Amino acid sequence: MSIKGYRSSWRRSSHSAQGANCVEVAQATEAWAVRDSKDATGPVLTLTRDEWTALLDTIKTGTHDLP
């Protein structure tokens, strides 16, 4: 999936302070993009709106929590 217009609007959580050990997200018209903050020119995971919503739902319910 190609995402246009996301490169200048990357955001990260305010809880991450100045550290580089986090992910950054950017919203485009029809999708969300996720990347590793340590590698701004590296690969980008792109998600449709439905995929982004499903990911957030599973994070909120603890599906991805470590035991």
PDB file of N, CA and C in Angstrom:
ATOM      1  N   MET A   1       0.839  -1.170   0.000  1.00  0.00           N
ATOM      2  CA  MET A   1       0.000   0.000   0.000  1.00  0.00           C
ATOM      3  C   MET A   1       0.884   1.232   0.000  1.00  0.00           C
ATOM      4  N   SER A   2       0.562   2.165  -0.823  1.00  0.00           N
ATOM      5  CA  SER A   2       1.319   3.408  -0.873  1.00  0.00           C
ATOM      6  C   SER A   2       0.623   4.456  -0.017  1.00  0.00           C
ATOM      7  N   ILE A   3       1.405   5.134   0.812  1.00  0.00           N
ATOM      8  CA  ILE A   3       0.846   6.209   1.629  1.00  0.00           C
ATOM      9  C   ILE A   3       1.504   7.506   1.214  1.00  0.00           C
ATOM     10  N   LYS A   4       0.700   8.469   0.867  1.00  0.00           N
ATOM     11  CA  LYS A   4       1.235   9.770   0.480  1.00  0.00           C
ATOM     12  C   LYS A   4       1.008  10.758   1.610  1.00  0.00           C
ATOM     13  N   GLY A   5       1.949  11.642   1.818  1.00  0.00           N
ATOM     14  CA  GLY A   5       1.775  12.728   2.762  1.00  0.00           C
ATOM     15  C   GLY A   5       2.028  12.396   4.215  1.00  0.00           C
ATOM     16  N   TYR A   6       2.646  11.270   4.512  1.00  0.00           N
ATOM     17  CA  TYR A   6       2.851  10.931   5.919  1.00  0.00           C
ATOM     18  C   TYR A   6       4.234  11.277   6.427  1.00  0.00           C
ATOM     19  N   ARG A   7       5.182  11.479   5.578  1.00  0.00           N
ATOM     20  CA  ARG A   7       6.569  11.616   6.017  1.00  0.00           C
ATOM     21  C   ARG A   7       6.814  12.820   6.927  1.00  0.00           C
ATOM     22  N   SER A   8       6.077  13.884   6.795  1.00  0.00           N
ATOM     23  CA  SER A   8       6.352  15.067   7.605  1.00  0.00           C
ATOM     24  C   SER A   8       5.531  15.121   8.886  1.00  0.00           C
ATOM     25  N   SER A   9       4.714  14.141   9.138  1.00  0.00           N
ATOM     26  CA  SER A   9       3.820  14.217  10.290  1.00  0.00           C
ATOM     27  C   SER A   9       4.001  13.060  11.271  1.00  0.00           C
ATOM     28  N   TRP A  10       5.209  12.567  11.415  1.00  0.00           N
ATOM     29  CA  TRP A  10       5.464  11.466  12.341  1.00  0.00           C
ATOM     30  C   TRP A  10       5.324  11.958  13.776  1.00  0.00           C
ATOM     31  N   ARG A  11       4.680  11.137  14.616  1.00  0.00           N
ATOM     32  CA  ARG A  11       4.498  11.470  16.031  1.00  0.00           C
ATOM     33  C   ARG A  11       4.904  10.287  16.889  1.00  0.00           C
ATOM     34  N   ARG A  12       5.299  10.595  18.119  1.00  0.00           N
ATOM     35  CA  ARG A  12       5.568   9.539  19.090  1.00  0.00           C
ATOM     36  C   ARG A  12       4.945   9.947  20.411  1.00  0.00           C
ATOM     37  N   SER A  13       4.789   9.000  21.276  1.00  0.00           N
ATOM     38  CA  SER A  13       4.168   9.257  22.569  1.00  0.00           C
ATOM     39  C   SER A  13       4.972  10.264  23.377  1.00  0.00           C
ATOM     40  N   SER A  14       4.278  11.119  24.092  1.00  0.00           N
ATOM     41  CA  SER A  14       4.962  12.057  24.983  1.00  0.00           C
ATOM     42  C   SER A  14       5.614  11.325  26.146  1.00  0.00           C
ATOM     43  N   HIS A  15       5.213  10.088  26.395  1.00  0.00           N
ATOM     44  CA  HIS A  15       5.800   9.274  27.467  1.00  0.00           C
ATOM     45  C   HIS A  15       7.169   8.726  27.081  1.00  0.00           C
ATOM     46  N   SER A  16       7.546   8.848  25.828  1.00  0.00           N
ATOM     47  CA  SER A  16       8.831   8.297  25.391  1.00  0.00           C
ATOM     48  C   SER A  16       9.994   9.247  25.645  1.00  0.00           C
ATOM     49  N   ALA A  17       9.724  10.453  26.119  1.00  0.00           N
ATOM     50  CA  ALA A  17      10.747  11.463  26.412  1.00  0.00           C
ATOM     51  C   ALA A  17      11.614  11.688  25.175  1.00  0.00           C
ATOM     52  N   GLN A  18      12.917  11.754  25.361  1.00  0.00           N
ATOM     53  CA  GLN A  18      13.824  11.965  24.234  1.00  0.00           C
ATOM     54  C   GLN A  18      14.478  10.666  23.772  1.00  0.00           C
ATOM     55  N   GLY A  19      14.093   9.554  24.367  1.00  0.00           N
ATOM     56  CA  GLY A  19      14.671   8.273  23.988  1.00  0.00           C
ATOM     57  C   GLY A  19      14.281   7.869  22.580  1.00  0.00           C
ATOM     58  N   ALA A  20      15.064   6.989  22.016  1.00  0.00           N
ATOM     59  CA  ALA A  20      14.797   6.543  20.651  1.00  0.00           C
ATOM     60  C   ALA A  20      14.235   5.126  20.620  1.00  0.00           C
ATOM     61  N   ASN A  21      13.865   4.598  21.754  1.00  0.00           N
ATOM     62  CA  ASN A  21      13.369   3.224  21.812  1.00  0.00           C
ATOM     63  C   ASN A  21      11.847   3.204  21.771  1.00  0.00           C
ATOM     64  N   CYS A  22      11.299   3.648  20.673  1.00  0.00           N
ATOM     65  CA  CYS A  22       9.848   3.662  20.568  1.00  0.00           C
ATOM     66  C   CYS A  22       9.451   3.580  19.095  1.00  0.00           C
ATOM     67  N   VAL A  23       8.177   3.552  18.880  1.00  0.00           N
ATOM     68  CA  VAL A  23       7.667   3.590  17.516  1.00  0.00           C
ATOM     69  C   VAL A  23       7.078   4.971  17.263  1.00  0.00           C
ATOM     70  N   GLU A  24       7.019   5.318  16.011  1.00  0.00           N
ATOM     71  CA  GLU A  24       6.390   6.566  15.599  1.00  0.00           C
ATOM     72  C   GLU A  24       5.244   6.219  14.660  1.00  0.00           C
ATOM     73  N   VAL A  25       4.211   7.032  14.684  1.00  0.00           N
ATOM     74  CA  VAL A  25       3.065   6.806  13.806  1.00  0.00           C
ATOM     75  C   VAL A  25       2.774   8.067  13.009  1.00  0.00           C
ATOM     76  N   ALA A  26       2.199   7.864  11.850  1.00  0.00           N
ATOM     77  CA  ALA A  26       1.769   8.974  11.005  1.00  0.00           C
ATOM     78  C   ALA A  26       0.450   8.590  10.356  1.00  0.00           C
ATOM     79  N   GLN A  27      -0.437   9.553  10.265  1.00  0.00           N
ATOM     80  CA  GLN A  27      -1.730   9.312   9.647  1.00  0.00           C
ATOM     81  C   GLN A  27      -1.764   9.946   8.271  1.00  0.00           C
ATOM     82  N   ALA A  28      -2.249   9.190   7.323  1.00  0.00           N
ATOM     83  CA  ALA A  28      -2.485   9.703   5.980  1.00  0.00           C
ATOM     84  C   ALA A  28      -3.989   9.639   5.728  1.00  0.00           C
ATOM     85  N   THR A  29      -4.410   9.993   4.562  1.00  0.00           N
ATOM     86  CA  THR A  29      -5.836  10.043   4.264  1.00  0.00           C
ATOM     87  C   THR A  29      -6.523   8.699   4.448  1.00  0.00           C
ATOM     88  N   GLU A  30      -5.916   7.643   3.956  1.00  0.00           N
ATOM     89  CA  GLU A  30      -6.584   6.343   3.988  1.00  0.00           C
ATOM     90  C   GLU A  30      -5.848   5.287   4.789  1.00  0.00           C
ATOM     91  N   ALA A  31      -4.823   5.667   5.527  1.00  0.00           N
ATOM     92  CA  ALA A  31      -4.044   4.646   6.227  1.00  0.00           C
ATOM     93  C   ALA A  31      -3.235   5.266   7.362  1.00  0.00           C
ATOM     94  N   TRP A  32      -2.631   4.387   8.135  1.00  0.00           N
ATOM     95  CA  TRP A  32      -1.686   4.757   9.189  1.00  0.00           C
ATOM     96  C   TRP A  32      -0.356   4.103   8.862  1.00  0.00           C
ATOM     97  N   ALA A  33       0.721   4.754   9.252  1.00  0.00           N
ATOM     98  CA  ALA A  33       2.060   4.209   9.057  1.00  0.00           C
ATOM     99  C   ALA A  33       2.745   4.120  10.413  1.00  0.00           C
ATOM    100  N   VAL A  34       3.538   3.069  10.599  1.00  0.00           N
ATOM    101  CA  VAL A  34       4.268   2.847  11.850  1.00  0.00           C
ATOM    102  C   VAL A  34       5.717   2.557  11.490  1.00  0.00           C
ATOM    103  N   ARG A  35       6.650   3.165  12.232  1.00  0.00           N
ATOM    104  CA  ARG A  35       8.068   2.903  11.983  1.00  0.00           C
ATOM    105  C   ARG A  35       8.832   2.911  13.304  1.00  0.00           C
ATOM    106  N   ASP A  36      10.034   2.389  13.260  1.00  0.00           N
ATOM    107  CA  ASP A  36      10.948   2.378  14.398  1.00  0.00           C
ATOM    108  C   ASP A  36      11.629   3.741  14.471  1.00  0.00           C
ATOM    109  N   SER A  37      11.559   4.390  15.618  1.00  0.00           N
ATOM    110  CA  SER A  37      12.141   5.729  15.729  1.00  0.00           C
ATOM    111  C   SER A  37      13.659   5.727  15.588  1.00  0.00           C
ATOM    112  N   LYS A  38      14.291   4.590  15.789  1.00  0.00           N
ATOM    113  CA  LYS A  38      15.749   4.500  15.647  1.00  0.00           C
ATOM    114  C   LYS A  38      16.181   4.430  14.186  1.00  0.00           C
ATOM    115  N   ASP A  39      15.235   4.175  13.281  1.00  0.00           N
ATOM    116  CA  ASP A  39      15.567   4.003  11.865  1.00  0.00           C
ATOM    117  C   ASP A  39      14.542   4.738  11.002  1.00  0.00           C
ATOM    118  N   ALA A  40      14.629   6.054  11.002  1.00  0.00           N
ATOM    119  CA  ALA A  40      13.637   6.876  10.308  1.00  0.00           C
ATOM    120  C   ALA A  40      13.590   6.636   8.802  1.00  0.00           C
ATOM    121  N   THR A  41      14.655   6.111   8.235  1.00  0.00           N
ATOM    122  CA  THR A  41      14.653   5.834   6.798  1.00  0.00           C
ATOM    123  C   THR A  41      14.417   4.360   6.504  1.00  0.00           C
ATOM    124  N   GLY A  42      14.148   3.590   7.541  1.00  0.00           N
ATOM    125  CA  GLY A  42      13.940   2.159   7.389  1.00  0.00           C
ATOM    126  C   GLY A  42      12.532   1.821   6.933  1.00  0.00           C
ATOM    127  N   PRO A  43      12.182   0.552   7.061  1.00  0.00           N
ATOM    128  CA  PRO A  43      10.873   0.097   6.594  1.00  0.00           C
ATOM    129  C   PRO A  43       9.728   0.718   7.386  1.00  0.00           C
ATOM    130  N   VAL A  44       8.596   0.812   6.731  1.00  0.00           N
ATOM    131  CA  VAL A  44       7.388   1.379   7.324  1.00  0.00           C
ATOM    132  C   VAL A  44       6.275   0.349   7.209  1.00  0.00           C
ATOM    133  N   LEU A  45       5.597   0.097   8.311  1.00  0.00           N
ATOM    134  CA  LEU A  45       4.430  -0.776   8.313  1.00  0.00           C
ATOM    135  C   LEU A  45       3.218   0.096   8.035  1.00  0.00           C
ATOM    136  N   THR A  46       2.456  -0.237   7.011  1.00  0.00           N
ATOM    137  CA  THR A  46       1.263   0.541   6.693  1.00  0.00           C
ATOM    138  C   THR A  46       0.023  -0.275   7.008  1.00  0.00           C
ATOM    139  N   LEU A  47      -0.954   0.388   7.583  1.00  0.00           N
ATOM    140  CA  LEU A  47      -2.192  -0.258   8.001  1.00  0.00           C
ATOM    141  C   LEU A  47      -3.384   0.546   7.494  1.00  0.00           C
ATOM    142  N   THR A  48      -4.404  -0.157   7.040  1.00  0.00           N
ATOM    143  CA  THR A  48      -5.648   0.519   6.680  1.00  0.00           C
ATOM    144  C   THR A  48      -6.297   1.026   7.965  1.00  0.00           C
ATOM    145  N   ARG A  49      -7.317   1.834   7.828  1.00  0.00           N
ATOM    146  CA  ARG A  49      -8.030   2.317   9.023  1.00  0.00           C
ATOM    147  C   ARG A  49      -8.572   1.155   9.849  1.00  0.00           C
ATOM    148  N   ASP A  50      -9.160   0.166   9.181  1.00  0.00           N
ATOM    149  CA  ASP A  50      -9.709  -0.986   9.901  1.00  0.00           C
ATOM    150  C   ASP A  50      -8.615  -1.778  10.603  1.00  0.00           C
ATOM    151  N   GLU A  51      -7.475  -1.970   9.940  1.00  0.00           N
ATOM    152  CA  GLU A  51      -6.359  -2.692  10.561  1.00  0.00           C
ATOM    153  C   GLU A  51      -5.809  -1.913  11.754  1.00  0.00           C
ATOM    154  N   TRP A  52      -5.701  -0.590  11.635  1.00  0.00           N
ATOM    155  CA  TRP A  52      -5.207   0.259  12.726  1.00  0.00           C
ATOM    156  C   TRP A  52      -6.144   0.162  13.931  1.00  0.00           C
ATOM    157  N   THR A  53      -7.442   0.248  13.670  1.00  0.00           N
ATOM    158  CA  THR A  53      -8.428   0.150  14.745  1.00  0.00           C
ATOM    159  C   THR A  53      -8.351  -1.208  15.426  1.00  0.00           C
ATOM    160  N   ALA A  54      -8.226  -2.278  14.651  1.00  0.00           N
ATOM    161  CA  ALA A  54      -8.122  -3.622  15.225  1.00  0.00           C
ATOM    162  C   ALA A  54      -6.860  -3.758  16.068  1.00  0.00           C
ATOM    163  N   LEU A  55      -5.738  -3.215  15.596  1.00  0.00           N
ATOM    164  CA  LEU A  55      -4.493  -3.268  16.365  1.00  0.00           C
ATOM    165  C   LEU A  55      -4.655  -2.532  17.691  1.00  0.00           C
ATOM    166  N   LEU A  56      -5.207  -1.332  17.663  1.00  0.00           N
ATOM    167  CA  LEU A  56      -5.403  -0.577  18.903  1.00  0.00           C
ATOM    168  C   LEU A  56      -6.330  -1.311  19.865  1.00  0.00           C
ATOM    169  N   ASP A  57      -7.374  -1.930  19.342  1.00  0.00           N
ATOM    170  CA  ASP A  57      -8.289  -2.693  20.198  1.00  0.00           C
ATOM    171  C   ASP A  57      -7.569  -3.836  20.898  1.00  0.00           C
ATOM    172  N   THR A  58      -6.704  -4.556  20.181  1.00  0.00           N
ATOM    173  CA  THR A  58      -5.993  -5.674  20.811  1.00  0.00           C
ATOM    174  C   THR A  58      -4.947  -5.182  21.803  1.00  0.00           C
ATOM    175  N   ILE A  59      -4.359  -4.030  21.551  1.00  0.00           N
ATOM    176  CA  ILE A  59      -3.409  -3.457  22.517  1.00  0.00           C
ATOM    177  C   ILE A  59      -4.145  -3.055  23.787  1.00  0.00           C
ATOM    178  N   LYS A  60      -5.285  -2.414  23.643  1.00  0.00           N
ATOM    179  CA  LYS A  60      -6.064  -1.958  24.800  1.00  0.00           C
ATOM    180  C   LYS A  60      -6.552  -3.118  25.661  1.00  0.00           C
ATOM    181  N   THR A  61      -6.838  -4.255  25.039  1.00  0.00           N
ATOM    182  CA  THR A  61      -7.339  -5.402  25.802  1.00  0.00           C
ATOM    183  C   THR A  61      -6.224  -6.272  26.359  1.00  0.00           C
ATOM    184  N   GLY A  62      -4.969  -5.925  26.072  1.00  0.00           N
ATOM    185  CA  GLY A  62      -3.840  -6.669  26.624  1.00  0.00           C
ATOM    186  C   GLY A  62      -3.434  -7.893  25.836  1.00  0.00           C
ATOM    187  N   THR A  63      -3.946  -8.049  24.641  1.00  0.00           N
ATOM    188  CA  THR A  63      -3.631  -9.216  23.824  1.00  0.00           C
ATOM    189  C   THR A  63      -2.135  -9.385  23.603  1.00  0.00           C
ATOM    190  N   HIS A  64      -1.406  -8.300  23.499  1.00  0.00           N
ATOM    191  CA  HIS A  64       0.025  -8.358  23.188  1.00  0.00           C
ATOM    192  C   HIS A  64       0.921  -8.223  24.419  1.00  0.00           C
ATOM    193  N   ASP A  65       0.322  -8.178  25.609  1.00  0.00           N
ATOM    194  CA  ASP A  65       1.122  -8.058  26.831  1.00  0.00           C
ATOM    195  C   ASP A  65       1.974  -9.298  27.046  1.00  0.00           C
ATOM    196  N   LEU A  66       3.161  -9.090  27.547  1.00  0.00           N
ATOM    197  CA  LEU A  66       4.023 -10.222  27.887  1.00  0.00           C
ATOM    198  C   LEU A  66       3.521 -10.860  29.177  1.00  0.00           C
ATOM    199  N   PRO A  67       3.732 -12.172  29.309  1.00  0.00           N
ATOM    200  CA  PRO A  67       3.260 -12.851  30.530  1.00  0.00           C
ATOM    201  C   PRO A  67       4.010 -12.380  31.764  1.00  0.00           C
TER     202      PRO A  67
END
